[in-house]
Structure formats: C-alpha cells, structure tokens
C-alpha cells in the first residue's frame, strides 16, 4: 500500500471511523449534497464552495469530482443526490454536520443558514433536534480549536 493510501486510510478512520476509502460515486453524491445544503437559501458564497472543494480535496476526492464542484449549480434535490450511492446515503447526519461547517466557512452561520440546514435535514429525514445537537457540537469544537491553537501557538501560528 502506498504511503498516500495509508494516510487516507488513517484520515478516514480518524475522522469518520471508516475502514475503507469511499469510491467516486460516494464522493460525487456526498460533496454535491453538501453544496446543495449550503445553497438551500440560494446564497452559496465562494467561501462555502471553497470549503467543500478543500474538504473533498483533503480527503482525496477524484479530480473529476473536484472540477465539477467548481461550477456545480447545487440546485438538485438533496435526497435524490445523496440516495445515488449507498455509502453517501448512510452518511446523512455527517452531511448535515459538514453542511454546518461549510455554511460557517465565510465566518458566519446565520439564522437563515440555520433555517436552511434544518429544512434540508428534514428532507433527509433528520429532525430539528438532531440538527440542534450537531450545531452545538460544531460550536463546541470550534471553541475548543481556538483554545487549542492559542495554547499550542501563544504568539500566533508560524505559518
């Protein structure tokens, strides 16, 4: 196994608990669904799109998927898109969490975005209480990350 593939196995296991690396159909459905959710209010910012592209790239999504995401309109039915692949379909709650991250990429997770994520989650069969819990985890993790970076780099990051 190549070093890169070992790294991907490690990343997917660490981040998602996966024992295998998903294939192209899973990446395609999952990443498009995140963009659809972020665009649910018809206000997909470049920062949000860049977050999804960066996230997919970090997880080594196939180049053709990344290229398509750059101009993808994100206006398809979210349930239809996520249902195209069994692995992606099994990751609906993860999708909602990462949509919260994507919506926050521009520095704000507005009440309108919150409403949109909740509405999109409902289309996926995920109730508002689960969305609220995912939002709380996101907020806690963001605060913990700030605290961690301040402790690791008290004078600011070197790069």
N, C-alpha and C. Protein backbone atom coordinates (compact mmCIF):
# COMPACT_ATOMS: atom_id res chain seq x y z
N UNK A 1 0.85 -1.18 0.00
CA UNK A 1 0.00 0.00 0.00
C UNK A 1 0.90 1.24 0.00
N UNK A 2 0.56 2.20 -0.83
CA UNK A 2 1.35 3.43 -0.92
C UNK A 2 1.19 4.26 0.35
N UNK A 3 2.16 5.11 0.58
CA UNK A 3 2.13 5.99 1.73
C UNK A 3 0.89 6.88 1.71
N UNK A 4 0.55 7.41 0.53
CA UNK A 4 -0.64 8.26 0.42
C UNK A 4 -1.90 7.49 0.78
N UNK A 5 -2.00 6.27 0.29
CA UNK A 5 -3.19 5.47 0.58
C UNK A 5 -3.25 5.14 2.08
N UNK A 6 -2.11 4.87 2.69
CA UNK A 6 -2.08 4.64 4.14
C UNK A 6 -2.56 5.88 4.88
N UNK A 7 -2.13 7.04 4.41
CA UNK A 7 -2.57 8.30 5.02
C UNK A 7 -4.06 8.49 4.88
N UNK A 8 -4.62 8.17 3.73
CA UNK A 8 -6.06 8.29 3.52
C UNK A 8 -6.84 7.32 4.41
N UNK A 9 -6.34 6.10 4.51
CA UNK A 9 -6.98 5.14 5.41
C UNK A 9 -7.00 5.69 6.84
N UNK A 10 -5.87 6.24 7.26
CA UNK A 10 -5.78 6.81 8.60
C UNK A 10 -6.78 7.95 8.76
N UNK A 11 -6.82 8.86 7.77
CA UNK A 11 -7.70 10.03 7.83
C UNK A 11 -9.18 9.61 7.90
N UNK A 12 -9.58 8.71 7.03
CA UNK A 12 -10.98 8.27 7.03
C UNK A 12 -11.34 7.56 8.32
N UNK A 13 -10.40 6.80 8.86
CA UNK A 13 -10.68 6.13 10.13
C UNK A 13 -10.75 7.13 11.27
N UNK A 14 -9.81 8.06 11.31
CA UNK A 14 -9.76 9.07 12.38
C UNK A 14 -10.99 9.98 12.35
N UNK A 15 -11.33 10.47 11.16
CA UNK A 15 -12.42 11.44 11.03
C UNK A 15 -13.80 10.79 11.04
N UNK A 16 -13.92 9.63 10.39
CA UNK A 16 -15.25 9.04 10.17
C UNK A 16 -15.43 7.64 10.76
N UNK A 17 -14.36 7.02 11.19
CA UNK A 17 -14.46 5.64 11.67
C UNK A 17 -14.54 4.63 10.54
N UNK A 18 -14.27 5.07 9.30
CA UNK A 18 -14.35 4.18 8.13
C UNK A 18 -13.15 3.25 8.11
N UNK A 19 -13.38 2.03 7.65
CA UNK A 19 -12.31 1.05 7.49
C UNK A 19 -11.81 1.01 6.04
N UNK A 20 -12.53 1.66 5.15
CA UNK A 20 -12.17 1.70 3.73
C UNK A 20 -12.32 3.12 3.20
N UNK A 21 -11.69 3.38 2.07
CA UNK A 21 -11.81 4.67 1.40
C UNK A 21 -12.99 4.59 0.44
N UNK A 22 -13.91 5.54 0.50
CA UNK A 22 -15.06 5.51 -0.42
C UNK A 22 -14.63 5.67 -1.87
N UNK A 23 -15.51 5.23 -2.77
CA UNK A 23 -15.24 5.35 -4.19
C UNK A 23 -15.81 6.63 -4.77
N UNK A 24 -15.58 6.82 -6.07
CA UNK A 24 -16.00 8.02 -6.78
C UNK A 24 -17.49 8.31 -6.60
N UNK A 25 -18.40 7.33 -6.74
CA UNK A 25 -19.83 7.67 -6.59
C UNK A 25 -20.18 8.26 -5.22
N UNK A 26 -19.52 7.77 -4.18
CA UNK A 26 -19.79 8.29 -2.83
C UNK A 26 -19.32 9.73 -2.71
N UNK A 27 -18.11 10.01 -3.18
CA UNK A 27 -17.60 11.38 -3.16
C UNK A 27 -18.52 12.31 -3.94
N UNK A 28 -18.90 11.89 -5.13
CA UNK A 28 -19.73 12.71 -6.00
C UNK A 28 -21.05 13.06 -5.32
N UNK A 29 -21.74 12.06 -4.82
CA UNK A 29 -23.05 12.31 -4.18
C UNK A 29 -22.91 13.13 -2.91
N UNK A 30 -21.95 12.76 -2.08
CA UNK A 30 -21.81 13.40 -0.77
C UNK A 30 -21.40 14.87 -0.88
N UNK A 31 -20.38 15.16 -1.68
CA UNK A 31 -19.91 16.53 -1.78
C UNK A 31 -20.93 17.43 -2.48
N UNK A 32 -21.60 16.91 -3.49
CA UNK A 32 -22.66 17.70 -4.13
C UNK A 32 -23.78 17.98 -3.14
N UNK A 33 -24.12 17.00 -2.31
CA UNK A 33 -25.19 17.19 -1.34
C UNK A 33 -24.82 18.27 -0.31
N UNK A 34 -23.55 18.34 0.08
CA UNK A 34 -23.14 19.41 1.00
C UNK A 34 -23.36 20.77 0.32
N UNK A 35 -22.96 20.88 -0.93
CA UNK A 35 -23.16 22.15 -1.65
C UNK A 35 -24.65 22.48 -1.79
N UNK A 36 -25.47 21.49 -2.06
CA UNK A 36 -26.91 21.71 -2.17
C UNK A 36 -27.46 22.25 -0.86
N UNK A 37 -27.03 21.67 0.24
CA UNK A 37 -27.49 22.12 1.56
C UNK A 37 -27.02 23.55 1.81
N UNK A 38 -25.77 23.83 1.52
CA UNK A 38 -25.24 25.18 1.74
C UNK A 38 -25.94 26.19 0.83
N UNK A 39 -26.43 25.74 -0.31
CA UNK A 39 -27.10 26.61 -1.26
C UNK A 39 -28.62 26.62 -1.08
N UNK A 40 -29.11 26.01 -0.06
CA UNK A 40 -30.55 25.91 0.15
C UNK A 40 -31.24 27.25 0.24
N UNK A 41 -30.49 28.28 0.61
CA UNK A 41 -31.06 29.64 0.68
C UNK A 41 -30.73 30.44 -0.58
N UNK A 42 -30.23 29.74 -1.60
CA UNK A 42 -29.83 30.36 -2.87
C UNK A 42 -28.73 31.40 -2.70
N UNK A 43 -27.91 31.23 -1.68
CA UNK A 43 -26.80 32.15 -1.42
C UNK A 43 -25.52 31.37 -1.12
N UNK A 44 -25.05 30.63 -2.10
CA UNK A 44 -23.82 29.87 -1.95
C UNK A 44 -22.64 30.81 -2.14
N UNK A 45 -21.92 31.10 -1.06
CA UNK A 45 -20.78 32.01 -1.16
C UNK A 45 -19.56 31.27 -1.70
N UNK A 46 -18.60 32.03 -2.18
CA UNK A 46 -17.37 31.41 -2.67
C UNK A 46 -16.64 30.71 -1.52
N UNK A 47 -16.70 31.27 -0.33
CA UNK A 47 -16.05 30.65 0.83
C UNK A 47 -16.67 29.29 1.13
N UNK A 48 -17.99 29.19 1.00
CA UNK A 48 -18.67 27.91 1.23
C UNK A 48 -18.28 26.89 0.17
N UNK A 49 -18.29 27.32 -1.10
CA UNK A 49 -17.88 26.42 -2.19
C UNK A 49 -16.43 25.99 -1.98
N UNK A 50 -15.56 26.94 -1.64
CA UNK A 50 -14.15 26.63 -1.42
C UNK A 50 -13.97 25.65 -0.27
N UNK A 51 -14.80 25.78 0.77
CA UNK A 51 -14.71 24.85 1.89
C UNK A 51 -15.00 23.43 1.41
N UNK A 52 -16.06 23.26 0.64
CA UNK A 52 -16.43 21.92 0.16
C UNK A 52 -15.35 21.37 -0.77
N UNK A 53 -14.82 22.20 -1.65
CA UNK A 53 -13.76 21.76 -2.55
C UNK A 53 -12.50 21.40 -1.77
N UNK A 54 -12.14 22.24 -0.79
CA UNK A 54 -10.97 21.95 0.04
C UNK A 54 -11.16 20.68 0.85
N UNK A 55 -12.35 20.52 1.40
CA UNK A 55 -12.66 19.32 2.19
C UNK A 55 -12.54 18.08 1.31
N UNK A 56 -13.16 18.14 0.14
CA UNK A 56 -13.08 16.99 -0.77
C UNK A 56 -11.66 16.72 -1.21
N UNK A 57 -10.90 17.77 -1.48
CA UNK A 57 -9.50 17.61 -1.88
C UNK A 57 -8.67 17.00 -0.77
N UNK A 58 -8.89 17.44 0.46
CA UNK A 58 -8.14 16.90 1.60
C UNK A 58 -8.39 15.41 1.77
N UNK A 59 -9.59 14.96 1.41
CA UNK A 59 -9.93 13.54 1.51
C UNK A 59 -9.69 12.82 0.19
N UNK A 60 -8.97 13.47 -0.72
CA UNK A 60 -8.55 12.90 -1.99
C UNK A 60 -9.71 12.48 -2.88
N UNK A 61 -10.73 13.34 -2.93
CA UNK A 61 -11.83 13.10 -3.87
C UNK A 61 -11.25 13.08 -5.28
N UNK A 62 -11.81 12.27 -6.16
CA UNK A 62 -11.30 12.22 -7.54
C UNK A 62 -11.31 13.60 -8.20
N UNK A 63 -10.30 13.85 -9.02
CA UNK A 63 -10.16 15.14 -9.70
C UNK A 63 -11.41 15.55 -10.45
N UNK A 64 -12.06 14.59 -11.10
CA UNK A 64 -13.26 14.94 -11.89
C UNK A 64 -14.38 15.46 -11.00
N UNK A 65 -14.48 14.95 -9.77
CA UNK A 65 -15.48 15.44 -8.83
C UNK A 65 -15.14 16.87 -8.41
N UNK A 66 -13.88 17.09 -8.06
CA UNK A 66 -13.44 18.42 -7.63
C UNK A 66 -13.68 19.44 -8.75
N UNK A 67 -13.33 19.09 -9.97
CA UNK A 67 -13.54 20.00 -11.10
C UNK A 67 -15.01 20.33 -11.28
N UNK A 68 -15.87 19.33 -11.16
CA UNK A 68 -17.30 19.57 -11.32
C UNK A 68 -17.86 20.46 -10.22
N UNK A 69 -17.34 20.31 -8.99
CA UNK A 69 -17.83 21.12 -7.87
C UNK A 69 -17.56 22.62 -8.08
N UNK A 70 -16.54 22.94 -8.85
CA UNK A 70 -16.18 24.34 -9.07
C UNK A 70 -17.27 25.14 -9.76
N UNK A 71 -18.09 24.46 -10.55
CA UNK A 71 -19.16 25.16 -11.28
C UNK A 71 -20.53 24.53 -11.03
N UNK A 72 -20.60 23.56 -10.15
CA UNK A 72 -21.86 22.86 -9.87
C UNK A 72 -22.91 23.86 -9.35
N UNK A 73 -24.09 23.84 -9.93
CA UNK A 73 -25.15 24.80 -9.56
C UNK A 73 -25.78 24.50 -8.19
N UNK A 74 -25.66 23.29 -7.71
CA UNK A 74 -26.17 22.91 -6.39
C UNK A 74 -27.65 23.20 -6.24
N UNK A 75 -28.40 22.85 -7.27
CA UNK A 75 -29.84 23.11 -7.22
C UNK A 75 -30.69 21.84 -7.43
N UNK A 76 -30.05 20.69 -7.34
CA UNK A 76 -30.78 19.42 -7.46
C UNK A 76 -31.47 19.08 -6.14
N UNK A 77 -32.33 18.08 -6.17
CA UNK A 77 -32.99 17.61 -4.96
C UNK A 77 -31.96 16.87 -4.10
N UNK A 78 -31.79 17.33 -2.87
CA UNK A 78 -30.75 16.78 -1.99
C UNK A 78 -30.96 15.30 -1.70
N UNK A 79 -32.21 14.89 -1.49
CA UNK A 79 -32.47 13.48 -1.20
C UNK A 79 -32.13 12.60 -2.40
N UNK A 80 -32.47 13.05 -3.59
CA UNK A 80 -32.16 12.28 -4.80
C UNK A 80 -30.65 12.14 -4.98
N UNK A 81 -29.91 13.22 -4.73
CA UNK A 81 -28.46 13.20 -4.91
C UNK A 81 -27.79 12.29 -3.89
N UNK A 82 -28.12 12.42 -2.64
CA UNK A 82 -27.47 11.60 -1.61
C UNK A 82 -27.86 10.13 -1.74
N UNK A 83 -29.02 9.86 -2.30
CA UNK A 83 -29.50 8.48 -2.45
C UNK A 83 -28.86 7.74 -3.62
N UNK A 84 -28.09 8.43 -4.44
CA UNK A 84 -27.45 7.79 -5.59
C UNK A 84 -26.39 6.77 -5.20
N UNK A 85 -25.87 6.88 -3.99
CA UNK A 85 -24.80 5.99 -3.56
C UNK A 85 -25.09 5.49 -2.15
N UNK A 86 -24.92 4.20 -1.90
CA UNK A 86 -25.27 3.63 -0.59
C UNK A 86 -24.37 4.15 0.53
N UNK A 87 -23.09 4.35 0.25
CA UNK A 87 -22.19 4.87 1.29
C UNK A 87 -22.57 6.31 1.63
N UNK A 88 -22.73 7.14 0.62
CA UNK A 88 -23.13 8.53 0.86
C UNK A 88 -24.48 8.59 1.58
N UNK A 89 -25.39 7.75 1.18
CA UNK A 89 -26.73 7.73 1.77
C UNK A 89 -26.68 7.39 3.26
N UNK A 90 -25.72 6.57 3.64
CA UNK A 90 -25.57 6.18 5.05
C UNK A 90 -24.94 7.29 5.89
N UNK A 91 -24.51 8.37 5.24
CA UNK A 91 -23.80 9.46 5.92
C UNK A 91 -24.64 10.72 6.01
N UNK A 92 -25.94 10.59 6.11
CA UNK A 92 -26.82 11.76 6.10
C UNK A 92 -26.56 12.70 7.28
N UNK A 93 -26.36 12.18 8.45
CA UNK A 93 -26.11 13.06 9.60
C UNK A 93 -24.75 13.74 9.47
N UNK A 94 -23.78 13.00 8.99
CA UNK A 94 -22.47 13.59 8.74
C UNK A 94 -22.58 14.72 7.72
N UNK A 95 -23.40 14.50 6.71
CA UNK A 95 -23.64 15.52 5.69
C UNK A 95 -24.19 16.80 6.32
N UNK A 96 -25.14 16.67 7.23
CA UNK A 96 -25.71 17.85 7.89
C UNK A 96 -24.64 18.56 8.71
N UNK A 97 -23.83 17.79 9.44
CA UNK A 97 -22.75 18.40 10.23
C UNK A 97 -21.78 19.17 9.33
N UNK A 98 -21.39 18.54 8.23
CA UNK A 98 -20.43 19.19 7.35
C UNK A 98 -21.06 20.34 6.57
N UNK A 99 -22.35 20.31 6.38
CA UNK A 99 -23.04 21.47 5.79
C UNK A 99 -22.98 22.65 6.76
N UNK A 100 -23.10 22.37 8.04
CA UNK A 100 -22.95 23.43 9.06
C UNK A 100 -21.54 24.03 8.97
N UNK A 101 -20.54 23.15 8.84
CA UNK A 101 -19.16 23.63 8.69
C UNK A 101 -19.01 24.48 7.43
N UNK A 102 -19.57 23.99 6.32
CA UNK A 102 -19.46 24.73 5.05
C UNK A 102 -20.16 26.08 5.15
N UNK A 103 -21.34 26.10 5.74
CA UNK A 103 -22.08 27.37 5.89
C UNK A 103 -21.34 28.34 6.78
N UNK A 104 -20.52 27.85 7.69
CA UNK A 104 -19.76 28.69 8.61
C UNK A 104 -18.43 29.15 8.02
N UNK A 105 -18.08 28.65 6.84
CA UNK A 105 -16.77 28.92 6.25
C UNK A 105 -16.55 30.40 5.93
N UNK A 106 -17.63 31.13 5.75
CA UNK A 106 -17.48 32.56 5.46
C UNK A 106 -17.47 33.40 6.74
N UNK A 107 -17.32 32.73 7.88
CA UNK A 107 -17.20 33.43 9.15
C UNK A 107 -18.50 33.62 9.89
N UNK A 108 -19.59 33.12 9.32
CA UNK A 108 -20.89 33.31 9.96
C UNK A 108 -21.79 32.12 9.65
N UNK A 109 -22.52 31.70 10.66
CA UNK A 109 -23.58 30.70 10.48
C UNK A 109 -24.86 31.42 10.88
N UNK A 110 -25.46 32.08 9.89
CA UNK A 110 -26.58 32.98 10.16
C UNK A 110 -27.86 32.21 10.48
N UNK A 111 -28.83 32.93 10.98
CA UNK A 111 -30.13 32.32 11.28
C UNK A 111 -30.78 31.79 10.01
N UNK A 112 -30.57 32.48 8.89
CA UNK A 112 -31.09 32.00 7.61
C UNK A 112 -30.44 30.69 7.19
N UNK A 113 -29.13 30.59 7.40
CA UNK A 113 -28.43 29.34 7.09
C UNK A 113 -28.90 28.22 8.02
N UNK A 114 -29.10 28.57 9.27
CA UNK A 114 -29.59 27.58 10.24
C UNK A 114 -30.95 27.05 9.79
N UNK A 115 -31.83 27.94 9.37
CA UNK A 115 -33.15 27.53 8.88
C UNK A 115 -33.01 26.63 7.65
N UNK A 116 -32.11 27.00 6.76
CA UNK A 116 -31.90 26.23 5.54
C UNK A 116 -31.38 24.83 5.86
N UNK A 117 -30.38 24.74 6.73
CA UNK A 117 -29.82 23.43 7.11
C UNK A 117 -30.90 22.58 7.75
N UNK A 118 -31.70 23.18 8.61
CA UNK A 118 -32.79 22.44 9.27
C UNK A 118 -33.81 21.95 8.24
N UNK A 119 -34.12 22.78 7.27
CA UNK A 119 -35.06 22.40 6.21
C UNK A 119 -34.49 21.27 5.35
N UNK A 120 -33.23 21.40 4.98
CA UNK A 120 -32.59 20.35 4.18
C UNK A 120 -32.49 19.05 4.97
N UNK A 121 -32.18 19.16 6.25
CA UNK A 121 -32.11 17.96 7.10
C UNK A 121 -33.46 17.26 7.15
N UNK A 122 -34.52 18.04 7.24
CA UNK A 122 -35.87 17.45 7.26
C UNK A 122 -36.14 16.67 5.97
N UNK A 123 -35.66 17.20 4.84
CA UNK A 123 -35.81 16.48 3.57
C UNK A 123 -35.06 15.15 3.60
N UNK A 124 -34.03 15.09 4.43
CA UNK A 124 -33.23 13.87 4.56
C UNK A 124 -33.72 12.95 5.67
N UNK A 125 -34.82 13.35 6.32
CA UNK A 125 -35.37 12.53 7.39
C UNK A 125 -34.70 12.73 8.74
N UNK A 126 -34.04 13.86 8.92
CA UNK A 126 -33.33 14.17 10.16
C UNK A 126 -34.07 15.30 10.85
N UNK A 127 -34.51 15.05 12.09
CA UNK A 127 -35.34 16.07 12.75
C UNK A 127 -34.52 17.21 13.33
N UNK A 128 -35.21 18.28 13.64
CA UNK A 128 -34.59 19.53 14.08
C UNK A 128 -33.78 19.36 15.37
N UNK A 129 -34.17 18.45 16.23
CA UNK A 129 -33.42 18.23 17.48
C UNK A 129 -32.02 17.69 17.18
N UNK A 130 -31.92 16.80 16.21
CA UNK A 130 -30.60 16.28 15.81
C UNK A 130 -29.76 17.41 15.23
N UNK A 131 -30.36 18.25 14.40
CA UNK A 131 -29.64 19.40 13.82
C UNK A 131 -29.12 20.30 14.94
N UNK A 132 -29.96 20.55 15.93
CA UNK A 132 -29.55 21.40 17.06
C UNK A 132 -28.35 20.79 17.78
N UNK A 133 -28.38 19.49 17.99
CA UNK A 133 -27.26 18.81 18.65
C UNK A 133 -25.98 18.90 17.81
N UNK A 134 -26.12 18.75 16.50
CA UNK A 134 -24.96 18.86 15.61
C UNK A 134 -24.40 20.28 15.62
N UNK A 135 -25.28 21.27 15.67
CA UNK A 135 -24.84 22.67 15.76
C UNK A 135 -24.09 22.91 17.06
N UNK A 136 -24.58 22.34 18.15
CA UNK A 136 -23.90 22.50 19.44
C UNK A 136 -22.51 21.87 19.41
N UNK A 137 -22.40 20.69 18.81
CA UNK A 137 -21.10 20.03 18.71
C UNK A 137 -20.16 20.88 17.86
N UNK A 138 -20.67 21.40 16.75
CA UNK A 138 -19.84 22.26 15.89
C UNK A 138 -19.32 23.46 16.69
N UNK A 139 -20.20 24.13 17.42
CA UNK A 139 -19.81 25.30 18.21
C UNK A 139 -18.78 24.93 19.26
N UNK A 140 -18.98 23.83 19.95
CA UNK A 140 -18.03 23.38 20.97
C UNK A 140 -16.68 23.06 20.35
N UNK A 141 -16.68 22.37 19.21
CA UNK A 141 -15.43 22.03 18.54
C UNK A 141 -14.69 23.28 18.06
N UNK A 142 -15.43 24.26 17.54
CA UNK A 142 -14.81 25.50 17.07
C UNK A 142 -14.14 26.23 18.23
N UNK A 143 -14.82 26.30 19.36
CA UNK A 143 -14.24 26.96 20.53
C UNK A 143 -13.03 26.19 21.05
N UNK A 144 -13.12 24.87 21.06
CA UNK A 144 -12.01 24.04 21.52
C UNK A 144 -10.81 24.20 20.58
N UNK A 145 -11.06 24.31 19.29
CA UNK A 145 -9.98 24.50 18.32
C UNK A 145 -9.27 25.83 18.57
N UNK A 146 -10.03 26.88 18.82
CA UNK A 146 -9.43 28.19 19.14
C UNK A 146 -8.56 28.09 20.39
N UNK A 147 -9.07 27.42 21.40
CA UNK A 147 -8.34 27.26 22.66
C UNK A 147 -7.06 26.44 22.42
N UNK A 148 -7.19 25.38 21.63
CA UNK A 148 -6.04 24.53 21.33
C UNK A 148 -4.95 25.32 20.60
N UNK A 149 -5.34 26.07 19.58
CA UNK A 149 -4.36 26.85 18.82
C UNK A 149 -3.70 27.92 19.68
N UNK A 150 -4.46 28.54 20.55
CA UNK A 150 -3.90 29.56 21.45
C UNK A 150 -2.89 28.93 22.40
N UNK A 151 -3.15 27.73 22.84
CA UNK A 151 -2.23 27.05 23.74
C UNK A 151 -0.99 26.55 23.00
N UNK A 152 -1.18 26.00 21.80
CA UNK A 152 -0.06 25.48 21.03
C UNK A 152 0.84 26.58 20.49
N UNK A 153 0.24 27.71 20.09
CA UNK A 153 0.97 28.81 19.47
C UNK A 153 0.60 30.12 20.15
N UNK A 154 1.13 30.35 21.36
CA UNK A 154 0.73 31.55 22.13
C UNK A 154 1.10 32.87 21.45
N UNK A 155 2.06 32.86 20.56
CA UNK A 155 2.42 34.09 19.85
C UNK A 155 1.88 34.10 18.41
N UNK A 156 1.04 33.15 18.09
CA UNK A 156 0.48 33.05 16.74
C UNK A 156 1.15 31.92 15.97
N UNK A 157 0.42 31.39 15.00
CA UNK A 157 0.97 30.26 14.23
C UNK A 157 2.15 30.72 13.40
N UNK A 158 3.13 29.83 13.21
CA UNK A 158 4.36 30.21 12.50
C UNK A 158 4.18 30.39 11.00
N UNK A 159 3.10 29.86 10.46
CA UNK A 159 2.88 29.98 9.01
C UNK A 159 1.53 30.56 8.72
